[in-house]
């Protein structure tokens, strides 16, 4: 690829058509996918992808993409034509040109491990999950090395190389017509060393045991109760219920309950919530976002006060805020949107046992089983992988298919204790019309919410 020629064309089109902004993302992706179910290889792929995405702002935005580098100028011309005819009124943050090359290093390079060795590794893990009541056992693995070149009409040229790996184990247990599933995922912006340091034998036993125990678990109680969320459920709660509401495109459109709330107290004094793409090795980490803005650690809530939104170039310009590097796209075929990275609740000073002592009758909820949130009115519902009744400060019987629901701001103001045991390490993909890798977490949190069943 002739990057100098691309840069010249960007400047020529920028001047000729009086473009307010042009940027180009070139992505080369080298990836491996493995999926094993009940000892059978369902997917084995080692492949490459390539794409170029071009975005132009004149009267409004124009966007086009291609998988053929020879079509670059044609793609730039199409995006420019669309931008000329677009009538949306908007603006964009334009800063100084950046020239940089950064690479997230791997201690053990993903391509130094033979594909056959990776397959045998995960076939072996799949075998660890094989026991009597387990009817379905699945192991999956996906890695990628993404090289991105970013150019824009400011004169920026940024090259990044990011390795990313995600893998997991899941089982379905069945008896007497009843089924329960359980799973555990691992991931990060790391090399093969991440796979090697996970004790899959330990986690296989845990996942199998939990699924089987859930077959015998009771149904949850219902009503407004004290709830202790474990770090995983804390993470998904704060990502879904608060993080999406703090994305500045939702704020700009007035769809978020946090619109117009900057500087206002929305949670208890002890609550601080952070989104940080700079955390080393986490699944949602990156160095530059997909708009050539360096990713920054952002305190969304500090001591209970909403102090920041997550922004991209457009929302920062329109809302008069600092750009903080949260414009992300699934790949070069998509335009960047405001997205989270690694979102978590900062720790406080409570021990877990101290939290338990505060509860005479309540529920301890562990893990994330998905849910729904409406950021326009602040309502949410999340399921947990497992739950336990708390009686007089002690964890008692297991419950299954347990969910909590409520109002986001009420929950943030009902927090009674925040633990000192923060953990960020629950990788996944966040959907918002397109998928991006994210991570989340936090410490144990004691609050009050409506508890009920998932059914």
Protein backbone atom coordinates (compact mmCIF):
# COMPACT_ATOMS: atom_id res chain seq x y z
CA UNK A 1 0.00 0.00 0.00
CA UNK A 2 1.24 3.45 -0.86
CA UNK A 3 0.37 5.44 2.27
CA UNK A 4 1.98 8.63 0.93
CA UNK A 5 -0.32 8.52 -2.09
CA UNK A 6 -3.33 7.91 0.20
CA UNK A 7 -2.35 10.89 2.36
CA UNK A 8 -2.01 13.08 -0.75
CA UNK A 9 -5.45 12.04 -1.99
CA UNK A 10 -6.98 12.81 1.42
CA UNK A 11 -5.51 16.32 1.30
CA UNK A 12 -6.56 16.83 -2.34
CA UNK A 13 -10.16 15.81 -1.64
CA UNK A 14 -10.20 17.81 1.59
CA UNK A 15 -9.18 21.02 -0.24
CA UNK A 16 -11.17 20.45 -3.45
CA UNK A 17 -14.46 19.68 -1.69
CA UNK A 18 -13.84 21.84 1.39
CA UNK A 19 -14.27 18.85 3.66
CA UNK A 20 -14.38 19.61 7.37
CA UNK A 21 -12.77 16.27 8.11
CA UNK A 22 -11.69 13.05 6.37
CA UNK A 23 -10.34 9.92 7.99
CA UNK A 24 -9.29 6.51 6.70
CA UNK A 25 -8.94 3.22 8.59
CA UNK A 26 -7.00 0.38 7.02
CA UNK A 27 -7.26 -2.94 8.88
CA UNK A 28 -5.40 -6.21 8.42
CA UNK A 29 -6.74 -8.99 10.65
CA UNK A 30 -5.06 -12.36 11.16
CA UNK A 31 -7.28 -14.69 13.20
CA UNK A 32 -7.82 -18.24 14.45
CA UNK A 33 -11.14 -19.74 15.61
CA UNK A 34 -11.69 -23.12 17.26
CA UNK A 35 -14.99 -24.51 18.50
CA UNK A 36 -15.30 -27.97 20.04
CA UNK A 37 -18.58 -29.50 21.22
CA UNK A 38 -18.80 -32.90 22.92
CA UNK A 39 -15.36 -33.84 21.60
CA UNK A 40 -16.25 -32.96 18.01
CA UNK A 41 -14.53 -30.11 16.16
CA UNK A 42 -17.35 -27.83 14.99
CA UNK A 43 -15.11 -25.03 13.72
CA UNK A 44 -11.43 -24.73 12.86
CA UNK A 45 -10.38 -21.66 10.95
CA UNK A 46 -7.17 -19.73 10.39
CA UNK A 47 -7.72 -16.80 8.10
CA UNK A 48 -7.07 -13.16 7.23
CA UNK A 49 -9.32 -10.19 6.61
CA UNK A 50 -8.57 -6.84 5.03
CA UNK A 51 -10.61 -3.69 4.71
CA UNK A 52 -10.50 0.09 4.29
CA UNK A 53 -13.12 2.42 5.74
CA UNK A 54 -13.35 6.05 4.55
CA UNK A 55 -15.33 8.75 6.31
CA UNK A 56 -15.87 12.30 5.02
CA UNK A 57 -17.63 15.26 6.66
CA UNK A 58 -18.83 18.09 4.36
CA UNK A 59 -22.50 19.04 4.74
CA UNK A 60 -22.93 15.83 6.74
CA UNK A 61 -21.16 12.49 6.98
CA UNK A 62 -20.42 10.17 4.09
CA UNK A 63 -18.97 6.69 4.59
CA UNK A 64 -17.83 3.94 2.28
CA UNK A 65 -15.61 0.88 2.61
CA UNK A 66 -13.79 -1.61 0.43
CA UNK A 67 -11.79 -4.82 0.71
CA UNK A 68 -9.60 -3.93 -2.29
CA UNK A 69 -6.76 -1.48 -1.82
CA UNK A 70 -6.90 -0.68 -5.56
CA UNK A 71 -10.36 0.81 -4.98
CA UNK A 72 -9.20 3.32 -2.38
CA UNK A 73 -9.74 6.47 -4.47
CA UNK A 74 -13.10 5.17 -5.73
CA UNK A 75 -14.15 4.59 -2.10
CA UNK A 76 -12.95 8.08 -1.12
CA UNK A 77 -14.93 9.55 -4.05
CA UNK A 78 -18.14 7.72 -3.02
CA UNK A 79 -17.82 8.84 0.61
CA UNK A 80 -17.20 12.42 -0.54
CA UNK A 81 -20.26 12.40 -2.80
CA UNK A 82 -22.42 11.09 0.06
CA UNK A 83 -21.04 13.78 2.38
CA UNK A 84 -21.90 16.52 -0.17
CA UNK A 85 -25.52 15.39 -0.38
CA UNK A 86 -25.95 14.73 3.34
CA UNK A 87 -27.73 17.53 5.17
CA UNK A 88 -27.16 16.65 8.81
CA UNK A 89 -25.90 19.53 10.90
CA UNK A 90 -22.95 18.45 12.97
CA UNK A 91 -19.33 19.23 13.75
CA UNK A 92 -16.24 17.29 14.70
CA UNK A 93 -13.25 17.76 16.99
CA UNK A 94 -10.12 18.49 14.99
CA UNK A 95 -6.82 18.47 16.82
CA UNK A 96 -3.15 18.41 16.02
CA UNK A 97 -1.74 15.78 13.66
CA UNK A 98 -0.38 12.67 15.36
CA UNK A 99 2.39 10.45 14.06
CA UNK A 100 2.85 7.28 16.07
CA UNK A 101 3.44 3.55 15.93
CA UNK A 102 2.52 1.42 18.93
CA UNK A 103 2.23 -2.31 19.45
CA UNK A 104 0.86 -4.32 22.36
CA UNK A 105 3.56 -6.91 22.90
CA UNK A 106 2.99 -10.63 23.43
CA UNK A 107 5.30 -12.59 25.70
CA UNK A 108 4.44 -15.72 23.69
CA UNK A 109 3.44 -14.78 20.14
CA UNK A 110 0.08 -16.20 19.04
CA UNK A 111 1.51 -17.32 15.68
CA UNK A 112 4.40 -19.19 17.30
CA UNK A 113 1.90 -21.80 18.52
CA UNK A 114 0.95 -24.33 15.87
CA UNK A 115 -2.75 -24.55 14.98
CA UNK A 116 -2.72 -28.32 15.63
CA UNK A 117 -1.28 -27.71 19.12
CA UNK A 118 -4.03 -25.19 19.88
CA UNK A 119 -6.70 -27.63 18.68
CA UNK A 120 -5.31 -30.47 20.82
CA UNK A 121 -5.13 -28.09 23.80
CA UNK A 122 -8.85 -27.29 23.58
CA UNK A 123 -9.86 -30.86 22.73
CA UNK A 124 -8.16 -31.86 25.98
CA UNK A 125 -10.05 -29.20 27.93
CA UNK A 126 -13.31 -30.38 26.36
CA UNK A 127 -12.54 -33.87 27.65
CA UNK A 128 -12.10 -32.48 31.20
CA UNK A 129 -15.79 -31.44 31.15
CA UNK A 130 -17.04 -34.99 30.47
CA UNK A 131 -19.10 -36.35 33.39
CA UNK A 132 -22.40 -38.18 33.85
CA UNK A 133 -24.98 -35.39 34.12
CA UNK A 134 -23.28 -33.11 31.60
CA UNK A 135 -25.08 -33.46 28.28
CA UNK A 136 -23.37 -30.68 26.33
CA UNK A 137 -19.78 -29.53 26.79
CA UNK A 138 -18.29 -26.78 24.69
CA UNK A 139 -14.88 -25.16 24.47
CA UNK A 140 -14.11 -22.27 22.18
CA UNK A 141 -11.08 -20.17 21.31
CA UNK A 142 -10.60 -17.10 19.17
CA UNK A 143 -7.50 -14.99 18.70
CA UNK A 144 -6.67 -12.11 16.42
CA UNK A 145 -3.77 -9.84 15.60
CA UNK A 146 -5.10 -6.59 14.19
CA UNK A 147 -2.85 -4.11 12.41
CA UNK A 148 -4.55 -0.76 11.88
CA UNK A 149 -3.33 2.21 9.91
CA UNK A 150 -5.17 5.46 10.59
CA UNK A 151 -4.84 8.58 8.40
CA UNK A 152 -6.85 11.78 8.46
CA UNK A 153 -7.06 15.25 6.95
CA UNK A 154 -5.24 16.69 9.99
CA UNK A 155 -2.17 14.87 8.70
CA UNK A 156 -2.22 12.08 11.28
CA UNK A 157 -0.59 8.72 10.57
CA UNK A 158 -1.00 6.14 13.32
CA UNK A 159 -0.12 2.47 13.16
CA UNK A 160 -1.24 0.10 15.94
CA UNK A 161 -0.85 -3.65 16.38
CA UNK A 162 -3.17 -5.31 18.90
CA UNK A 163 -3.34 -9.00 19.80
CA UNK A 164 -6.59 -10.14 21.37
CA UNK A 165 -7.57 -13.56 22.68
CA UNK A 166 -10.82 -14.96 24.13
CA UNK A 167 -11.64 -18.52 25.15
CA UNK A 168 -14.21 -20.25 27.26
CA UNK A 169 -15.79 -23.41 28.58
CA UNK A 170 -19.49 -24.09 29.01
CA UNK A 171 -21.67 -27.03 29.97
CA UNK A 172 -25.33 -27.98 30.09
CA UNK A 173 -26.36 -30.37 32.85
CA UNK A 174 -29.62 -32.31 32.61
CA UNK A 175 -31.67 -34.57 34.84
CA UNK A 176 -35.37 -35.44 35.04
CA UNK A 177 -36.19 -33.06 32.21
CA UNK A 178 -34.51 -30.10 33.93
CA UNK A 179 -31.52 -28.35 32.34
CA UNK A 180 -29.03 -25.87 33.76
CA UNK A 181 -26.00 -24.33 32.13
CA UNK A 182 -22.83 -22.72 33.44
CA UNK A 183 -19.79 -21.17 31.78
CA UNK A 184 -16.55 -19.29 32.29
CA UNK A 185 -14.79 -17.02 29.78
CA UNK A 186 -11.23 -15.67 29.75
CA UNK A 187 -9.74 -13.00 27.53
CA UNK A 188 -7.31 -10.16 27.11
CA UNK A 189 -5.04 -8.17 24.82
CA UNK A 190 -2.24 -10.67 25.33
CA UNK A 191 -0.50 -13.56 23.62
CA UNK A 192 -0.65 -17.32 24.18
CA UNK A 193 0.76 -16.78 27.70
CA UNK A 194 -2.82 -15.99 28.79
CA UNK A 195 -4.04 -19.46 27.79
CA UNK A 196 -1.10 -21.11 29.54
CA UNK A 197 -1.60 -19.38 32.89
CA UNK A 198 -5.27 -20.39 33.25
CA UNK A 199 -5.86 -23.48 35.38
CA UNK A 200 -8.43 -25.10 33.07
CA UNK A 201 -8.54 -28.24 35.20
CA UNK A 202 -9.68 -26.16 38.19
CA UNK A 203 -12.21 -24.17 36.17
CA UNK A 204 -13.57 -27.28 34.44
CA UNK A 205 -14.37 -28.80 37.84
CA UNK A 206 -15.99 -25.54 38.98
CA UNK A 207 -18.17 -25.17 35.87
CA UNK A 208 -19.32 -28.82 35.97
CA UNK A 209 -20.02 -28.72 39.71
CA UNK A 210 -22.01 -25.48 39.50
CA UNK A 211 -24.20 -26.73 36.63
CA UNK A 212 -25.00 -29.95 38.50
CA UNK A 213 -25.65 -28.13 41.81
CA UNK A 214 -28.05 -25.77 40.04
CA UNK A 215 -30.20 -28.77 39.10
CA UNK A 216 -30.94 -29.19 42.82
CA UNK A 217 -31.17 -25.48 43.66
CA UNK A 218 -34.38 -23.81 44.81
CA UNK A 219 -36.34 -21.03 43.18
CA UNK A 220 -35.48 -17.52 44.40
CA UNK A 221 -37.57 -15.44 46.80
CA UNK A 222 -39.28 -12.36 45.41
CA UNK A 223 -39.58 -8.79 46.58
CA UNK A 224 -37.36 -5.86 47.48
CA UNK A 225 -34.37 -7.30 49.32
CA UNK A 226 -30.77 -6.56 50.27
CA UNK A 227 -28.57 -7.89 47.46
CA UNK A 228 -24.84 -8.51 47.38
CA UNK A 229 -23.51 -8.55 43.82
CA UNK A 230 -20.24 -10.35 43.14
CA UNK A 231 -17.54 -8.56 41.02
CA UNK A 232 -18.82 -10.11 37.76
CA UNK A 233 -22.43 -9.02 38.31
CA UNK A 234 -21.24 -5.62 39.54
CA UNK A 235 -19.35 -5.28 36.26
CA UNK A 236 -22.24 -6.13 33.96
CA UNK A 237 -24.60 -3.96 36.00
CA UNK A 238 -22.36 -0.92 35.78
CA UNK A 239 -21.63 -1.54 32.08
CA UNK A 240 -25.23 -2.04 31.02
CA UNK A 241 -27.14 0.18 33.44
CA UNK A 242 -24.75 3.12 33.76
CA UNK A 243 -22.09 2.86 31.05
CA UNK A 244 -24.49 2.94 28.10
CA UNK A 245 -26.33 5.88 29.65
CA UNK A 246 -22.98 7.73 29.86
CA UNK A 247 -22.21 7.33 26.14
CA UNK A 248 -22.38 10.85 24.75
CA UNK A 249 -24.29 9.96 21.57
CA UNK A 250 -27.21 8.81 23.73
CA UNK A 251 -26.83 11.96 25.82
CA UNK A 252 -26.75 14.14 22.69
CA UNK A 253 -29.95 12.60 21.34
CA UNK A 254 -31.67 13.01 24.72
CA UNK A 255 -32.24 9.27 25.01
CA UNK A 256 -30.20 8.87 28.19
CA UNK A 257 -31.42 9.42 31.73
CA UNK A 258 -28.03 11.12 32.30
CA UNK A 259 -28.74 13.91 29.78
CA UNK A 260 -28.14 17.26 31.48
CA UNK A 261 -26.90 15.57 34.67
CA UNK A 262 -23.18 16.50 34.55
CA UNK A 263 -22.08 17.80 37.93
CA UNK A 264 -25.08 16.35 39.72
CA UNK A 265 -24.98 13.77 42.47
CA UNK A 266 -26.46 10.51 41.18
CA UNK A 267 -25.05 7.95 43.63
CA UNK A 268 -23.73 7.48 47.12
CA UNK A 269 -20.57 9.33 48.22
CA UNK A 270 -18.44 6.16 48.10
CA UNK A 271 -19.28 5.38 44.46
CA UNK A 272 -16.68 5.99 41.76
CA UNK A 273 -17.10 4.46 38.29
CA UNK A 274 -14.31 4.38 35.72
CA UNK A 275 -13.90 3.44 32.06
CA UNK A 276 -10.27 2.82 31.22
CA UNK A 277 -8.96 1.52 27.85
CA UNK A 278 -5.38 1.87 29.14
CA UNK A 279 -5.60 -1.03 31.63
CA UNK A 280 -2.77 -3.39 30.60
CA UNK A 281 -3.82 -6.70 29.08
CA UNK A 282 -7.60 -6.37 29.52
CA UNK A 283 -9.94 -7.52 26.77
CA UNK A 284 -11.39 -4.05 26.14
CA UNK A 285 -8.01 -2.28 26.11
CA UNK A 286 -6.61 -0.27 23.21
CA UNK A 287 -4.10 2.52 22.66
CA UNK A 288 -5.85 4.67 20.04
CA UNK A 289 -9.55 4.55 19.30
CA UNK A 290 -10.88 4.22 15.74
CA UNK A 291 -10.79 8.00 15.26
CA UNK A 292 -7.08 8.38 15.98
CA UNK A 293 -7.65 9.72 19.50
CA UNK A 294 -5.59 8.19 22.28
CA UNK A 295 -7.75 6.22 24.72
CA UNK A 296 -8.00 7.90 28.13
CA UNK A 297 -9.01 6.76 31.60
CA UNK A 298 -12.33 8.46 32.35
CA UNK A 299 -13.99 8.85 35.72
CA UNK A 300 -17.70 8.73 34.87
CA UNK A 301 -18.85 9.05 38.49
CA UNK A 302 -16.55 10.41 41.18
CA UNK A 303 -17.67 10.27 44.81
CA UNK A 304 -21.27 9.92 43.67
CA UNK A 305 -21.20 12.85 41.23
CA UNK A 306 -21.53 12.42 37.44
CA UNK A 307 -18.37 14.11 36.18
CA UNK A 308 -17.87 12.85 32.62
CA UNK A 309 -19.50 11.30 29.59
CA UNK A 310 -17.70 8.98 27.19
CA UNK A 311 -17.06 10.87 23.94
CA UNK A 312 -15.91 10.56 20.36
CA UNK A 313 -14.79 13.34 18.02
CA UNK A 314 -18.34 14.32 17.05
CA UNK A 315 -20.04 14.33 20.45
CA UNK A 316 -17.13 16.13 22.10
CA UNK A 317 -17.40 18.93 19.49
CA UNK A 318 -21.20 19.14 19.61
CA UNK A 319 -21.45 19.00 23.42
CA UNK A 320 -18.32 21.10 24.08
CA UNK A 321 -16.53 18.32 25.95
CA UNK A 322 -13.01 16.97 25.90
CA UNK A 323 -12.53 14.05 23.48
CA UNK A 324 -11.53 11.01 25.52
CA UNK A 325 -10.92 8.35 22.89
CA UNK A 326 -14.09 6.24 22.97
CA UNK A 327 -14.97 6.18 19.25
CA UNK A 328 -14.88 2.52 18.29
CA UNK A 329 -15.98 0.46 15.30
CA UNK A 330 -16.46 -3.29 14.88
CA UNK A 331 -14.14 -3.17 11.86
CA UNK A 332 -13.37 -1.03 8.82
CA UNK A 333 -16.84 -1.72 7.35
CA UNK A 334 -18.49 0.22 10.18
CA UNK A 335 -18.40 3.85 11.29
CA UNK A 336 -17.11 4.50 14.83
CA UNK A 337 -19.67 5.01 17.58
CA UNK A 338 -19.23 6.02 21.21
CA UNK A 339 -18.41 2.81 23.08
CA UNK A 340 -17.09 1.65 26.43
CA UNK A 341 -13.76 -0.19 26.95
CA UNK A 342 -13.04 -1.61 30.43
CA UNK A 343 -15.73 -0.33 32.80
CA UNK A 344 -15.58 -0.89 36.54
CA UNK A 345 -16.54 0.31 39.99
CA UNK A 346 -13.56 1.51 42.03
CA UNK A 347 -12.97 -0.27 45.35
CA UNK A 348 -13.85 1.09 48.78
CA UNK A 349 -12.94 -0.37 52.16
CA UNK A 350 -15.51 -3.04 53.05
CA UNK A 351 -14.51 -6.66 53.64
CA UNK A 352 -16.90 -9.23 52.15
CA UNK A 353 -17.60 -10.73 55.59
CA UNK A 354 -18.52 -7.29 56.92
CA UNK A 355 -21.09 -6.94 54.13
CA UNK A 356 -22.61 -10.33 54.95
CA UNK A 357 -22.99 -9.31 58.60
CA UNK A 358 -25.16 -6.38 57.46
CA UNK A 359 -27.75 -8.73 55.93
CA UNK A 360 -30.37 -10.53 58.05
CA UNK A 361 -32.26 -11.85 55.02
CA UNK A 362 -31.17 -11.20 51.46
CA UNK A 363 -29.57 -12.68 48.37
CA UNK A 364 -25.99 -13.14 47.20
CA UNK A 365 -25.92 -13.06 43.39
CA UNK A 366 -22.96 -14.43 41.45
CA UNK A 367 -22.08 -14.05 37.77
CA UNK A 368 -23.83 -12.64 34.75
CA UNK A 369 -26.64 -14.34 32.85
CA UNK A 370 -27.64 -11.40 30.65
CA UNK A 371 -30.55 -9.01 30.87
CA UNK A 372 -32.18 -5.88 29.59
CA UNK A 373 -31.82 -2.17 30.27
CA UNK A 374 -33.74 0.88 29.10
CA UNK A 375 -31.47 3.92 29.40
CA UNK A 376 -34.33 6.28 28.47
CA UNK A 377 -36.27 5.56 31.66
CA UNK A 378 -33.56 3.96 33.77
CA UNK A 379 -35.15 0.54 34.28
CA UNK A 380 -33.13 -2.69 34.16
CA UNK A 381 -33.30 -6.45 34.75
CA UNK A 382 -30.29 -8.77 35.03
CA UNK A 383 -30.01 -12.46 35.68
CA UNK A 384 -27.24 -14.11 37.71
CA UNK A 385 -25.61 -17.47 36.98
CA UNK A 386 -26.29 -18.54 40.53
CA UNK A 387 -27.59 -17.16 43.82
CA UNK A 388 -27.61 -17.92 47.51
CA UNK A 389 -29.92 -16.99 50.35
CA UNK A 390 -28.24 -14.93 53.09
CA UNK A 391 -29.63 -15.49 56.59
CA UNK A 392 -28.29 -13.64 59.62
CA UNK A 393 -25.01 -12.85 57.91
CA UNK A 394 -24.34 -16.35 56.57
CA UNK A 395 -24.55 -17.77 53.05
CA UNK A 396 -27.10 -20.59 52.99
CA UNK A 397 -28.94 -22.53 50.27
CA UNK A 398 -28.33 -22.14 46.54
CA UNK A 399 -31.02 -20.63 44.30
CA UNK A 400 -31.27 -20.71 40.52
CA UNK A 401 -32.67 -18.54 37.70
CA UNK A 402 -32.48 -15.51 39.97
CA UNK A 403 -32.76 -11.97 38.62
CA UNK A 404 -32.66 -8.45 40.01
CA UNK A 405 -34.45 -5.44 38.61
CA UNK A 406 -35.05 -1.83 39.51
CA UNK A 407 -34.32 1.76 38.67
CA UNK A 408 -30.69 2.64 37.90
CA UNK A 409 -30.50 5.87 39.89
CA UNK A 410 -32.41 4.39 42.83
CA UNK A 411 -29.96 1.48 42.97
CA UNK A 412 -26.93 3.81 42.83
CA UNK A 413 -28.38 5.71 45.79
CA UNK A 414 -29.28 2.54 47.69
CA UNK A 415 -25.72 1.20 47.84
CA UNK A 416 -24.86 0.41 51.45
CA UNK A 417 -21.34 -0.97 51.06
CA UNK A 418 -18.61 -1.22 48.40
CA UNK A 419 -15.94 -3.87 48.83
CA UNK A 420 -12.17 -3.66 48.70
CA UNK A 421 -11.87 -6.69 46.40
CA UNK A 422 -12.07 -5.14 42.92
CA UNK A 423 -11.61 -7.46 39.98
CA UNK A 424 -11.71 -6.51 36.29
CA UNK A 425 -11.61 -9.63 34.15
CA UNK A 426 -14.97 -10.58 32.62
CA UNK A 427 -14.42 -10.29 28.87
CA UNK A 428 -17.17 -10.16 26.30
CA UNK A 429 -18.54 -8.36 23.26
CA UNK A 430 -20.86 -5.39 23.61
CA UNK A 431 -23.55 -4.93 20.97
CA UNK A 432 -24.84 -1.55 19.79
CA UNK A 433 -25.61 -2.30 16.18
CA UNK A 434 -22.04 -3.55 15.96
CA UNK A 435 -19.86 -5.63 18.30
CA UNK A 436 -16.73 -4.45 20.09
CA UNK A 437 -14.61 -6.24 22.74
CA UNK A 438 -15.11 -4.95 26.28
CA UNK A 439 -14.26 -5.90 29.83
CA UNK A 440 -15.85 -4.93 33.14
CA UNK A 441 -15.84 -5.62 36.85
CA UNK A 442 -15.65 -4.10 40.29
CA UNK A 443 -15.76 -5.24 43.90
CA UNK A 444 -18.62 -6.87 45.83
CA UNK A 445 -21.44 -4.35 46.36
CA UNK A 446 -24.29 -4.43 48.87
CA UNK A 447 -27.41 -2.63 47.69
CA UNK A 448 -31.16 -3.09 47.62
CA UNK A 449 -33.14 -4.22 44.57
CA UNK A 450 -36.20 -6.16 43.46
CA UNK A 451 -35.36 -9.87 43.39
CA UNK A 452 -37.30 -12.45 41.41
CA UNK A 453 -37.08 -15.34 38.99
CA UNK A 454 -35.90 -15.16 35.40
CA UNK A 455 -39.03 -16.91 34.14
